[in-house]
Amino acid sequence: MEFTKELYERMMCVDPAQIGHYIQNGYMSPSIKPVFQKAKIAGPAVTVWMGGNDNAMLYYAIEHAKPGSVIVVDRGEESVHACCGDVVALVAQLNGIAGIVIDGMATDSIGIEELEFPVFCKGFSPITTNLLCQNGLYNVPVQCGGAAVTPGDIIFGDADGVIVIPPDRLEDLLVKAEKANINEAKMKEEFCAGKQMSDYFPGLHSMVKQL
C-alpha cells in the first residue's frame, strides 16, 4: 500500500483515540509521549534497533529514509542515554522525516519544541549517545513501547499516545474514525441541548442497578 498525501491529510483530521475504539493491540505504552503537546505524526515506519551509547544507526536512517517516514527506534534495555536532541531533530526535519518515536530517552526538549518537529519518547536525559558505529540494525522488525513494529507499518500518534496500524487495515480503520468524528460532533450538540448518555443507551440505568 502506498501511503499517499490524501491518506496523510485524512489522518491529520482524526485522532489516534478514534481508531483506538476499534483495536485490541498495536498500541504503544502510554509512557511514550510527544516532546510537545501539539505534536502529531502519521507515516510509514522506518525502524532502527540500537543499544547502549551508540546512535550511528539513527543517523543512517535519517539519511536513507524516504521523506514522510516515521523513524521508530528500539533502544532495547537502554534507559539512560538520549539518542535524539535538537540537532538530530533538525537534520531529520530538513530531510523530510515526519517524526521520530523512541522507546527510550531524548534530550534538548526545549530546542525540539522550538523546532516543532514531532519527537515521541519515554522521557528526557542529559546523558547522550555518541557516533560509535559499534552496533545497530536498520529496517528490521522491532519492539517499541511494547508494540511490534514492522517496516512499513503506519505510525499514528498525538498527545494521547502512539498506535501502530498494519497497512492493510488502514483504510477500514480510517473510515471508522471519520464516521466516529461525525457521530461525536452530533452527540456533543445534542448533549449541549439537554440529552443524557442514557438517551443513547436506554438500558444504562437498569444495568447499573444490577451491579
N, C-alpha and C. Protein backbone atom coordinates (compact mmCIF):
# COMPACT_ATOMS: atom_id res chain seq x y z
N MET A 1 0.83 -1.19 0.00
CA MET A 1 0.00 0.00 0.00
C MET A 1 0.87 1.25 0.00
N GLU A 2 0.59 2.16 -0.92
CA GLU A 2 1.30 3.43 -0.97
C GLU A 2 0.66 4.40 0.02
N PHE A 3 1.49 5.00 0.85
CA PHE A 3 0.98 5.99 1.80
C PHE A 3 0.96 7.34 1.09
N THR A 4 -0.21 7.74 0.63
CA THR A 4 -0.36 8.93 -0.20
C THR A 4 -0.57 10.19 0.63
N LYS A 5 -0.45 11.33 -0.05
CA LYS A 5 -0.73 12.61 0.59
C LYS A 5 -2.17 12.66 1.07
N GLU A 6 -3.10 12.07 0.28
CA GLU A 6 -4.51 12.04 0.66
C GLU A 6 -4.71 11.28 1.98
N LEU A 7 -4.06 10.12 2.12
CA LEU A 7 -4.17 9.36 3.36
C LEU A 7 -3.62 10.16 4.54
N TYR A 8 -2.48 10.80 4.32
CA TYR A 8 -1.89 11.62 5.38
C TYR A 8 -2.85 12.71 5.82
N GLU A 9 -3.43 13.42 4.88
CA GLU A 9 -4.34 14.52 5.21
C GLU A 9 -5.58 14.03 5.92
N ARG A 10 -6.09 12.86 5.52
CA ARG A 10 -7.25 12.29 6.21
C ARG A 10 -6.90 11.92 7.65
N MET A 11 -5.71 11.38 7.85
CA MET A 11 -5.29 11.01 9.21
C MET A 11 -5.11 12.24 10.08
N MET A 12 -4.67 13.34 9.50
CA MET A 12 -4.49 14.56 10.27
C MET A 12 -5.82 15.16 10.72
N CYS A 13 -6.92 14.69 10.14
CA CYS A 13 -8.25 15.19 10.50
C CYS A 13 -8.95 14.33 11.55
N VAL A 14 -8.31 13.22 11.94
CA VAL A 14 -8.85 12.39 13.01
C VAL A 14 -7.76 12.21 14.06
N ASP A 15 -8.09 11.56 15.17
CA ASP A 15 -7.13 11.34 16.23
C ASP A 15 -6.90 9.85 16.44
N PRO A 16 -5.72 9.47 16.94
CA PRO A 16 -5.49 8.06 17.27
C PRO A 16 -6.55 7.48 18.19
N ALA A 17 -7.10 8.30 19.08
CA ALA A 17 -8.11 7.80 20.01
C ALA A 17 -9.36 7.33 19.29
N GLN A 18 -9.67 7.91 18.13
CA GLN A 18 -10.83 7.44 17.38
C GLN A 18 -10.59 6.03 16.85
N ILE A 19 -9.38 5.78 16.40
CA ILE A 19 -9.03 4.43 15.94
C ILE A 19 -8.90 3.48 17.12
N GLY A 20 -8.50 4.03 18.28
CA GLY A 20 -8.36 3.21 19.48
C GLY A 20 -9.63 2.50 19.89
N HIS A 21 -10.79 2.98 19.45
CA HIS A 21 -12.05 2.30 19.73
C HIS A 21 -12.11 0.91 19.09
N TYR A 22 -11.33 0.72 18.01
CA TYR A 22 -11.54 -0.44 17.15
C TYR A 22 -10.34 -1.39 17.11
N ILE A 23 -9.36 -1.19 17.99
CA ILE A 23 -8.21 -2.09 18.01
C ILE A 23 -8.02 -2.70 19.38
N GLN A 24 -7.51 -3.92 19.41
CA GLN A 24 -7.22 -4.60 20.67
C GLN A 24 -5.73 -4.75 20.91
N ASN A 25 -4.92 -4.45 19.89
CA ASN A 25 -3.47 -4.49 20.05
C ASN A 25 -2.85 -3.49 19.07
N GLY A 26 -1.54 -3.41 19.06
CA GLY A 26 -0.89 -2.48 18.16
C GLY A 26 -0.81 -1.07 18.71
N TYR A 27 -0.80 -0.94 20.02
CA TYR A 27 -0.65 0.38 20.62
C TYR A 27 0.59 0.38 21.52
N MET A 28 1.29 1.49 21.53
CA MET A 28 2.48 1.60 22.36
C MET A 28 2.11 1.99 23.78
N SER A 29 3.01 1.73 24.70
CA SER A 29 2.80 2.09 26.10
C SER A 29 2.49 3.58 26.22
N PRO A 30 1.55 3.93 27.09
CA PRO A 30 1.25 5.35 27.32
C PRO A 30 2.45 6.13 27.85
N SER A 31 3.51 5.44 28.25
CA SER A 31 4.71 6.15 28.71
C SER A 31 5.42 6.86 27.57
N ILE A 32 5.13 6.50 26.33
CA ILE A 32 5.73 7.17 25.18
C ILE A 32 4.86 8.35 24.80
N LYS A 33 5.39 9.54 25.01
CA LYS A 33 4.64 10.79 24.82
C LYS A 33 5.41 11.75 23.92
N PRO A 34 4.73 12.72 23.30
CA PRO A 34 5.43 13.70 22.49
C PRO A 34 6.19 14.70 23.34
N VAL A 35 7.27 15.23 22.79
CA VAL A 35 8.04 16.24 23.50
C VAL A 35 7.19 17.48 23.76
N PHE A 36 6.33 17.84 22.78
CA PHE A 36 5.44 18.98 22.98
C PHE A 36 4.01 18.57 22.66
N GLN A 37 3.07 19.20 23.34
CA GLN A 37 1.68 18.74 23.40
C GLN A 37 0.99 18.67 22.04
N LYS A 38 1.30 19.57 21.14
CA LYS A 38 0.58 19.63 19.87
C LYS A 38 1.20 18.76 18.77
N ALA A 39 2.23 18.00 19.10
CA ALA A 39 2.86 17.14 18.09
C ALA A 39 1.89 16.07 17.60
N LYS A 40 1.94 15.82 16.31
CA LYS A 40 1.10 14.78 15.71
C LYS A 40 1.86 14.17 14.54
N ILE A 41 1.83 12.84 14.44
CA ILE A 41 2.57 12.17 13.37
C ILE A 41 1.69 11.13 12.69
N ALA A 42 1.95 10.93 11.40
CA ALA A 42 1.35 9.85 10.64
C ALA A 42 2.28 9.55 9.48
N GLY A 43 2.63 8.27 9.35
CA GLY A 43 3.51 7.91 8.24
C GLY A 43 4.01 6.49 8.38
N PRO A 44 4.59 5.95 7.31
CA PRO A 44 5.11 4.58 7.34
C PRO A 44 6.39 4.49 8.16
N ALA A 45 6.51 3.41 8.89
CA ALA A 45 7.65 3.22 9.79
C ALA A 45 8.92 2.83 9.04
N VAL A 46 10.00 3.49 9.40
CA VAL A 46 11.36 3.03 9.12
C VAL A 46 11.95 2.72 10.48
N THR A 47 12.42 1.50 10.68
CA THR A 47 12.79 1.06 12.02
C THR A 47 14.30 1.01 12.23
N VAL A 48 14.66 1.21 13.50
CA VAL A 48 16.06 1.16 13.92
C VAL A 48 16.12 0.41 15.24
N TRP A 49 17.09 -0.49 15.36
CA TRP A 49 17.43 -1.04 16.68
C TRP A 49 18.85 -0.60 16.99
N MET A 50 19.05 -0.03 18.18
CA MET A 50 20.41 0.31 18.60
C MET A 50 20.45 0.38 20.11
N GLY A 51 21.49 -0.20 20.67
CA GLY A 51 21.60 -0.27 22.12
C GLY A 51 22.72 0.61 22.66
N GLY A 52 22.73 0.74 23.97
CA GLY A 52 23.83 1.40 24.66
C GLY A 52 24.04 2.84 24.26
N ASN A 53 25.30 3.18 24.04
CA ASN A 53 25.73 4.57 23.89
C ASN A 53 25.98 4.94 22.43
N ASP A 54 25.44 4.18 21.49
CA ASP A 54 25.75 4.35 20.07
C ASP A 54 24.52 4.83 19.31
N ASN A 55 24.64 5.94 18.58
CA ASN A 55 23.50 6.43 17.81
C ASN A 55 23.74 6.45 16.30
N ALA A 56 24.76 5.73 15.84
CA ALA A 56 25.12 5.77 14.42
C ALA A 56 23.97 5.34 13.51
N MET A 57 23.22 4.31 13.92
CA MET A 57 22.19 3.79 13.05
C MET A 57 21.02 4.78 12.89
N LEU A 58 20.78 5.61 13.89
CA LEU A 58 19.75 6.64 13.74
C LEU A 58 20.17 7.67 12.70
N TYR A 59 21.44 8.08 12.72
CA TYR A 59 21.96 8.99 11.70
C TYR A 59 21.80 8.38 10.31
N TYR A 60 22.12 7.09 10.21
CA TYR A 60 22.00 6.38 8.93
C TYR A 60 20.55 6.39 8.45
N ALA A 61 19.63 6.10 9.35
CA ALA A 61 18.21 6.04 8.99
C ALA A 61 17.70 7.40 8.51
N ILE A 62 18.11 8.46 9.17
CA ILE A 62 17.66 9.80 8.79
C ILE A 62 18.09 10.12 7.36
N GLU A 63 19.26 9.66 6.96
CA GLU A 63 19.75 9.95 5.61
C GLU A 63 19.16 9.02 4.56
N HIS A 64 18.68 7.86 4.95
CA HIS A 64 18.22 6.87 3.96
C HIS A 64 16.71 6.69 3.91
N ALA A 65 15.98 7.15 4.93
CA ALA A 65 14.52 7.00 4.93
C ALA A 65 13.90 7.96 3.92
N LYS A 66 12.80 7.52 3.32
CA LYS A 66 12.08 8.37 2.39
C LYS A 66 11.41 9.52 3.14
N PRO A 67 11.30 10.68 2.51
CA PRO A 67 10.54 11.77 3.13
C PRO A 67 9.13 11.31 3.48
N GLY A 68 8.65 11.76 4.63
CA GLY A 68 7.34 11.34 5.10
C GLY A 68 7.37 10.14 6.01
N SER A 69 8.54 9.50 6.16
CA SER A 69 8.66 8.33 7.04
C SER A 69 8.69 8.75 8.49
N VAL A 70 8.25 7.84 9.35
CA VAL A 70 8.40 7.99 10.80
C VAL A 70 9.47 7.00 11.25
N ILE A 71 10.53 7.49 11.84
CA ILE A 71 11.60 6.61 12.32
C ILE A 71 11.25 6.11 13.71
N VAL A 72 11.20 4.79 13.86
CA VAL A 72 10.86 4.15 15.13
C VAL A 72 12.11 3.50 15.68
N VAL A 73 12.51 3.88 16.89
CA VAL A 73 13.78 3.45 17.46
C VAL A 73 13.55 2.53 18.66
N ASP A 74 14.04 1.31 18.54
CA ASP A 74 14.04 0.33 19.63
C ASP A 74 15.38 0.44 20.35
N ARG A 75 15.35 0.84 21.61
CA ARG A 75 16.59 1.05 22.37
C ARG A 75 16.93 -0.14 23.26
N GLY A 76 16.20 -1.25 23.09
CA GLY A 76 16.50 -2.41 23.90
C GLY A 76 16.29 -2.12 25.38
N GLU A 77 17.29 -2.41 26.18
CA GLU A 77 17.19 -2.17 27.62
C GLU A 77 17.73 -0.80 28.03
N GLU A 78 18.18 -0.01 27.09
CA GLU A 78 18.80 1.27 27.41
C GLU A 78 17.76 2.27 27.91
N SER A 79 18.02 2.85 29.08
CA SER A 79 17.04 3.78 29.67
C SER A 79 17.68 5.06 30.21
N VAL A 80 18.95 5.31 29.86
CA VAL A 80 19.64 6.50 30.35
C VAL A 80 20.11 7.40 29.20
N HIS A 81 20.79 6.83 28.21
CA HIS A 81 21.40 7.63 27.16
C HIS A 81 20.34 8.12 26.16
N ALA A 82 20.31 9.42 25.95
CA ALA A 82 19.38 10.03 25.00
C ALA A 82 19.99 9.99 23.61
N CYS A 83 19.23 9.48 22.64
CA CYS A 83 19.76 9.34 21.27
C CYS A 83 19.29 10.43 20.33
N CYS A 84 18.41 11.32 20.79
CA CYS A 84 17.89 12.36 19.92
C CYS A 84 17.78 13.67 20.67
N GLY A 85 18.45 14.70 20.15
CA GLY A 85 18.33 16.05 20.68
C GLY A 85 17.91 16.99 19.56
N ASP A 86 18.08 18.29 19.78
CA ASP A 86 17.57 19.23 18.79
C ASP A 86 18.38 19.23 17.49
N VAL A 87 19.65 18.86 17.53
CA VAL A 87 20.43 18.79 16.29
C VAL A 87 19.95 17.62 15.43
N VAL A 88 19.78 16.44 16.05
CA VAL A 88 19.25 15.29 15.32
C VAL A 88 17.86 15.60 14.77
N ALA A 89 17.04 16.23 15.60
CA ALA A 89 15.68 16.57 15.16
C ALA A 89 15.72 17.55 13.98
N LEU A 90 16.62 18.50 14.01
CA LEU A 90 16.74 19.47 12.91
C LEU A 90 17.13 18.78 11.61
N VAL A 91 18.13 17.90 11.68
CA VAL A 91 18.56 17.18 10.47
C VAL A 91 17.42 16.33 9.92
N ALA A 92 16.70 15.65 10.81
CA ALA A 92 15.57 14.84 10.38
C ALA A 92 14.50 15.71 9.71
N GLN A 93 14.22 16.85 10.31
CA GLN A 93 13.22 17.78 9.76
C GLN A 93 13.64 18.25 8.37
N LEU A 94 14.89 18.63 8.22
CA LEU A 94 15.39 19.12 6.94
C LEU A 94 15.38 18.03 5.87
N ASN A 95 15.48 16.76 6.29
CA ASN A 95 15.45 15.63 5.35
C ASN A 95 14.03 15.16 5.05
N GLY A 96 13.03 15.84 5.62
CA GLY A 96 11.65 15.48 5.31
C GLY A 96 11.07 14.36 6.14
N ILE A 97 11.76 13.95 7.20
CA ILE A 97 11.24 12.91 8.08
C ILE A 97 10.01 13.45 8.81
N ALA A 98 8.96 12.62 8.93
CA ALA A 98 7.71 13.08 9.55
C ALA A 98 7.78 13.12 11.07
N GLY A 99 8.65 12.31 11.66
CA GLY A 99 8.77 12.28 13.11
C GLY A 99 9.65 11.14 13.56
N ILE A 100 10.00 11.14 14.84
CA ILE A 100 10.82 10.08 15.44
C ILE A 100 10.13 9.60 16.70
N VAL A 101 10.03 8.28 16.85
CA VAL A 101 9.44 7.68 18.05
C VAL A 101 10.51 6.80 18.69
N ILE A 102 10.81 7.06 19.95
CA ILE A 102 11.92 6.39 20.64
C ILE A 102 11.42 5.62 21.85
N ASP A 103 11.77 4.35 21.91
CA ASP A 103 11.50 3.56 23.11
C ASP A 103 12.66 3.80 24.09
N GLY A 104 12.77 5.05 24.52
CA GLY A 104 13.87 5.45 25.37
C GLY A 104 13.89 6.95 25.52
N MET A 105 15.08 7.50 25.79
CA MET A 105 15.21 8.89 26.16
C MET A 105 15.52 9.80 24.97
N ALA A 106 15.09 11.06 25.12
CA ALA A 106 15.50 12.16 24.24
C ALA A 106 16.14 13.24 25.12
N THR A 107 16.65 14.27 24.48
CA THR A 107 17.22 15.39 25.22
C THR A 107 16.93 16.68 24.46
N ASP A 108 17.35 17.82 24.98
CA ASP A 108 17.11 19.12 24.35
C ASP A 108 15.62 19.34 24.10
N SER A 109 14.81 19.09 25.10
CA SER A 109 13.36 19.15 24.92
C SER A 109 12.89 20.54 24.48
N ILE A 110 13.48 21.58 25.04
CA ILE A 110 13.07 22.95 24.66
C ILE A 110 13.42 23.23 23.20
N GLY A 111 14.61 22.82 22.79
CA GLY A 111 15.03 23.03 21.40
C GLY A 111 14.17 22.27 20.42
N ILE A 112 13.78 21.04 20.76
CA ILE A 112 12.90 20.25 19.89
C ILE A 112 11.54 20.91 19.78
N GLU A 113 11.04 21.41 20.90
CA GLU A 113 9.74 22.08 20.86
C GLU A 113 9.80 23.34 19.99
N GLU A 114 10.89 24.07 20.08
CA GLU A 114 11.03 25.28 19.25
C GLU A 114 11.06 24.94 17.77
N LEU A 115 11.62 23.78 17.42
CA LEU A 115 11.62 23.33 16.03
C LEU A 115 10.22 22.91 15.56
N GLU A 116 9.37 22.53 16.52
CA GLU A 116 8.06 21.96 16.23
C GLU A 116 8.18 20.70 15.38
N PHE A 117 9.23 19.93 15.67
CA PHE A 117 9.43 18.63 15.00
C PHE A 117 8.97 17.54 15.93
N PRO A 118 8.07 16.64 15.47
CA PRO A 118 7.50 15.64 16.37
C PRO A 118 8.50 14.56 16.79
N VAL A 119 8.85 14.59 18.06
CA VAL A 119 9.65 13.53 18.67
C VAL A 119 8.84 12.96 19.83
N PHE A 120 8.69 11.64 19.86
CA PHE A 120 8.00 10.94 20.93
C PHE A 120 9.02 10.09 21.67
N CYS A 121 8.93 10.06 23.01
CA CYS A 121 9.93 9.34 23.79
C CYS A 121 9.35 8.98 25.16
N LYS A 122 10.13 8.23 25.94
CA LYS A 122 9.71 7.85 27.29
C LYS A 122 10.07 8.90 28.33
N GLY A 123 11.02 9.76 28.01
CA GLY A 123 11.46 10.75 28.97
C GLY A 123 12.69 11.46 28.46
N PHE A 124 13.38 12.18 29.36
CA PHE A 124 14.50 13.02 28.97
C PHE A 124 15.72 12.73 29.83
N SER A 125 16.87 12.93 29.22
CA SER A 125 18.13 12.70 29.94
C SER A 125 19.19 13.64 29.40
N PRO A 126 20.07 14.15 30.27
CA PRO A 126 21.20 14.96 29.80
C PRO A 126 22.38 14.10 29.35
N ILE A 127 22.27 12.79 29.57
CA ILE A 127 23.36 11.87 29.19
C ILE A 127 23.07 11.37 27.79
N THR A 128 23.97 11.64 26.85
CA THR A 128 23.67 11.41 25.43
C THR A 128 24.53 10.31 24.82
N THR A 129 24.08 9.88 23.66
CA THR A 129 24.80 8.87 22.90
C THR A 129 25.93 9.50 22.09
N ASN A 130 26.75 8.63 21.46
CA ASN A 130 27.85 9.08 20.62
C ASN A 130 27.85 8.31 19.30
N LEU A 131 28.51 8.86 18.31
CA LEU A 131 28.60 8.24 16.99
C LEU A 131 29.74 7.22 17.02
N LEU A 132 29.42 6.00 17.47
CA LEU A 132 30.45 4.98 17.69
C LEU A 132 30.52 3.94 16.57
N CYS A 133 29.41 3.71 15.88
CA CYS A 133 29.35 2.71 14.81
C CYS A 133 29.73 1.31 15.32
N GLN A 134 29.23 0.95 16.51
CA GLN A 134 29.54 -0.34 17.11
C GLN A 134 28.39 -1.33 17.05
N ASN A 135 27.15 -0.82 16.95
CA ASN A 135 26.02 -1.75 16.87
C ASN A 135 24.86 -1.05 16.18
N GLY A 136 23.85 -1.81 15.88
CA GLY A 136 22.65 -1.24 15.29
C GLY A 136 22.13 -2.05 14.13
N LEU A 137 20.80 -2.01 13.94
CA LEU A 137 20.14 -2.68 12.83
C LEU A 137 19.17 -1.70 12.19
N TYR A 138 19.01 -1.82 10.88
CA TYR A 138 18.19 -0.88 10.13
C TYR A 138 17.07 -1.62 9.40
N ASN A 139 15.84 -1.12 9.56
CA ASN A 139 14.66 -1.62 8.87
C ASN A 139 14.44 -3.11 9.09
N VAL A 140 14.41 -3.48 10.36
CA VAL A 140 14.09 -4.84 10.79
C VAL A 140 12.90 -4.76 11.74
N PRO A 141 12.17 -5.85 11.97
CA PRO A 141 11.10 -5.82 12.98
C PRO A 141 11.65 -5.45 14.35
N VAL A 142 10.97 -4.54 15.03
CA VAL A 142 11.42 -4.08 16.35
C VAL A 142 10.24 -4.05 17.32
N GLN A 143 10.56 -3.76 18.56
CA GLN A 143 9.56 -3.51 19.60
C GLN A 143 9.71 -2.06 20.04
N CYS A 144 8.60 -1.38 20.17
CA CYS A 144 8.65 0.00 20.65
C CYS A 144 7.46 0.23 21.57
N GLY A 145 7.74 0.51 22.82
CA GLY A 145 6.66 0.70 23.78
C GLY A 145 5.77 -0.52 23.93
N GLY A 146 6.35 -1.70 23.76
CA GLY A 146 5.59 -2.94 23.89
C GLY A 146 4.84 -3.35 22.65
N ALA A 147 4.90 -2.54 21.59
CA ALA A 147 4.20 -2.86 20.35
C ALA A 147 5.21 -3.37 19.31
N ALA A 148 4.81 -4.39 18.58
CA ALA A 148 5.63 -4.88 17.48
C ALA A 148 5.49 -3.91 16.31
N VAL A 149 6.61 -3.53 15.71
CA VAL A 149 6.61 -2.62 14.57
C VAL A 149 7.42 -3.24 13.44
N THR A 150 6.78 -3.41 12.30
CA THR A 150 7.43 -3.91 11.09
C THR A 150 7.63 -2.75 10.14
N PRO A 151 8.76 -2.70 9.45
CA PRO A 151 8.95 -1.62 8.48
C PRO A 151 7.75 -1.51 7.53
N GLY A 152 7.25 -0.29 7.37
CA GLY A 152 6.09 -0.06 6.52
C GLY A 152 4.78 0.03 7.27
N ASP A 153 4.75 -0.43 8.53
CA ASP A 153 3.55 -0.21 9.34
C ASP A 153 3.28 1.29 9.45
N ILE A 154 2.01 1.65 9.60
CA ILE A 154 1.67 3.06 9.70
C ILE A 154 1.68 3.48 11.17
N ILE A 155 2.48 4.49 11.47
CA ILE A 155 2.60 5.03 12.82
C ILE A 155 1.72 6.26 12.93
N PHE A 156 0.89 6.29 13.97
CA PHE A 156 -0.08 7.38 14.14
C PHE A 156 -0.05 7.80 15.60
N GLY A 157 0.34 9.04 15.86
CA GLY A 157 0.46 9.46 17.25
C GLY A 157 0.15 10.91 17.47
N ASP A 158 -0.31 11.22 18.69
CA ASP A 158 -0.51 12.59 19.13
C ASP A 158 -0.28 12.65 20.63
N ALA A 159 -0.79 13.67 21.28
CA ALA A 159 -0.54 13.85 22.71
C ALA A 159 -1.06 12.71 23.56
N ASP A 160 -2.01 11.93 23.05
CA ASP A 160 -2.58 10.82 23.81
C ASP A 160 -1.80 9.52 23.67
N GLY A 161 -0.87 9.46 22.71
CA GLY A 161 -0.08 8.25 22.55
C GLY A 161 0.08 7.85 21.10
N VAL A 162 0.65 6.66 20.89
CA VAL A 162 1.01 6.20 19.55
C VAL A 162 0.43 4.82 19.29
N ILE A 163 -0.16 4.65 18.09
CA ILE A 163 -0.64 3.35 17.68
C ILE A 163 0.07 2.92 16.40
N VAL A 164 0.08 1.60 16.16
CA VAL A 164 0.75 1.00 15.01
C VAL A 164 -0.30 0.28 14.17
N ILE A 165 -0.44 0.66 12.92
CA ILE A 165 -1.52 0.14 12.08
C ILE A 165 -0.93 -0.64 10.91
N PRO A 166 -1.27 -1.92 10.76
CA PRO A 166 -0.87 -2.65 9.55
C PRO A 166 -1.43 -1.95 8.32
N PRO A 167 -0.66 -1.80 7.26
CA PRO A 167 -1.13 -1.07 6.08
C PRO A 167 -2.46 -1.57 5.53
N ASP A 168 -2.68 -2.90 5.58
CA ASP A 168 -3.91 -3.44 5.00
C ASP A 168 -5.15 -3.14 5.85
N ARG A 169 -4.96 -2.60 7.05
CA ARG A 169 -6.10 -2.24 7.90
C ARG A 169 -6.36 -0.74 7.92
N LEU A 170 -5.47 0.04 7.33
CA LEU A 170 -5.55 1.49 7.48
C LEU A 170 -6.85 2.07 6.93
N GLU A 171 -7.23 1.72 5.70
CA GLU A 171 -8.42 2.31 5.09
C GLU A 171 -9.67 2.03 5.91
N ASP A 172 -9.84 0.78 6.34
CA ASP A 172 -11.02 0.42 7.13
C ASP A 172 -11.06 1.20 8.44
N LEU A 173 -9.94 1.27 9.14
CA LEU A 173 -9.90 1.99 10.42
C LEU A 173 -10.08 3.49 10.23
N LEU A 174 -9.55 3.99 9.14
CA LEU A 174 -9.69 5.42 8.88
C LEU A 174 -11.14 5.79 8.59
N VAL A 175 -11.83 4.97 7.84
CA VAL A 175 -13.26 5.21 7.57
C VAL A 175 -14.05 5.19 8.87
N LYS A 176 -13.75 4.22 9.74
CA LYS A 176 -14.43 4.15 11.04
C LYS A 176 -14.18 5.40 11.86
N ALA A 177 -12.93 5.88 11.86
CA ALA A 177 -12.58 7.08 12.63
C ALA A 177 -13.28 8.31 12.07
N GLU A 178 -13.38 8.41 10.76
CA GLU A 178 -14.06 9.55 10.14
C GLU A 178 -15.55 9.55 10.50
N LYS A 179 -16.16 8.38 10.48
CA LYS A 179 -17.58 8.28 10.87
C LYS A 179 -17.75 8.62 12.35
N ALA A 180 -16.81 8.18 13.17
CA ALA A 180 -16.88 8.49 14.61
C ALA A 180 -16.78 9.99 14.84
N ASN A 181 -15.95 10.69 14.07
CA ASN A 181 -15.86 12.15 14.18
C ASN A 181 -17.21 12.80 13.94
N ILE A 182 -17.90 12.35 12.89
CA ILE A 182 -19.22 12.92 12.54
C ILE A 182 -20.22 12.63 13.65
N ASN A 183 -20.23 11.37 14.12
CA ASN A 183 -21.19 10.98 15.16
C ASN A 183 -20.94 11.74 16.46
N GLU A 184 -19.68 11.90 16.83
CA GLU A 184 -19.36 12.59 18.08
C GLU A 184 -19.72 14.07 18.01
N ALA A 185 -19.52 14.69 16.84
CA ALA A 185 -19.90 16.10 16.70
C ALA A 185 -21.40 16.27 16.91
N LYS A 186 -22.17 15.34 16.37
CA LYS A 186 -23.63 15.40 16.54
C LYS A 186 -24.01 15.17 18.01
N MET A 187 -23.36 14.19 18.65
CA MET A 187 -23.66 13.90 20.05
C MET A 187 -23.34 15.10 20.95
N LYS A 188 -22.24 15.78 20.69
CA LYS A 188 -21.87 16.94 21.50
C LYS A 188 -22.94 18.03 21.41
N GLU A 189 -23.44 18.24 20.20
CA GLU A 189 -24.52 19.22 20.02
C GLU A 189 -25.76 18.81 20.81
N GLU A 190 -26.08 17.52 20.77
CA GLU A 190 -27.28 17.04 21.46
C GLU A 190 -27.10 17.05 22.97
N PHE A 191 -25.90 16.78 23.46
CA PHE A 191 -25.64 16.90 24.90
C PHE A 191 -25.83 18.34 25.35
N CYS A 192 -25.32 19.27 24.55
CA CYS A 192 -25.47 20.68 24.90
C CYS A 192 -26.93 21.12 24.88
N ALA A 193 -27.73 20.39 24.11
CA ALA A 193 -29.17 20.70 24.03
C ALA A 193 -29.97 20.00 25.13
N GLY A 194 -29.30 19.20 25.97
CA GLY A 194 -30.00 18.60 27.10
C GLY A 194 -30.05 17.09 27.15
N LYS A 195 -29.60 16.40 26.11
CA LYS A 195 -29.63 14.94 26.15
C LYS A 195 -28.64 14.41 27.19
N GLN A 196 -28.91 13.18 27.68
CA GLN A 196 -28.03 12.49 28.61
C GLN A 196 -27.51 11.21 27.95
N MET A 197 -26.47 10.65 28.55
CA MET A 197 -25.90 9.42 27.99
C MET A 197 -26.93 8.31 27.93
N SER A 198 -27.82 8.27 28.91
CA SER A 198 -28.84 7.21 28.95
C SER A 198 -29.84 7.33 27.79
N ASP A 199 -29.91 8.50 27.13
CA ASP A 199 -30.76 8.63 25.95
C ASP A 199 -30.20 7.83 24.78
N TYR A 200 -28.90 7.63 24.79
CA TYR A 200 -28.26 6.83 23.74
C TYR A 200 -28.21 5.36 24.12
N PHE A 201 -28.18 5.10 25.42
CA PHE A 201 -28.09 3.72 25.92
C PHE A 201 -29.23 3.50 26.91
N PRO A 202 -30.44 3.18 26.40
CA PRO A 202 -31.64 3.10 27.25
C PRO A 202 -31.52 2.11 28.41
N GLY A 203 -30.71 1.09 28.25
CA GLY A 203 -30.57 0.09 29.31
C GLY A 203 -29.53 0.44 30.35
N LEU A 204 -28.95 1.63 30.27
CA LEU A 204 -27.85 2.00 31.16
C LEU A 204 -28.23 1.92 32.64
N HIS A 205 -29.37 2.53 33.02
CA HIS A 205 -29.73 2.57 34.44
C HIS A 205 -30.02 1.18 34.98
N SER A 206 -30.73 0.36 34.21
CA SER A 206 -31.06 -0.99 34.68
C SER A 206 -29.80 -1.84 34.82
N MET A 207 -28.83 -1.65 33.92
CA MET A 207 -27.58 -2.41 34.01
C MET A 207 -26.80 -2.00 35.25
N VAL A 208 -26.76 -0.70 35.52
CA VAL A 208 -26.01 -0.22 36.69
C VAL A 208 -26.65 -0.73 37.99
N LYS A 209 -27.97 -0.77 38.04
CA LYS A 209 -28.66 -1.24 39.24
C LYS A 209 -28.37 -2.72 39.53
N GLN A 210 -27.98 -3.47 38.48
CA GLN A 210 -27.71 -4.89 38.67
C GLN A 210 -26.28 -5.14 39.17
N LEU A 211 -25.46 -4.12 39.20
CA LEU A 211 -24.07 -4.30 39.62
C LEU A 211 -23.98 -4.51 41.14
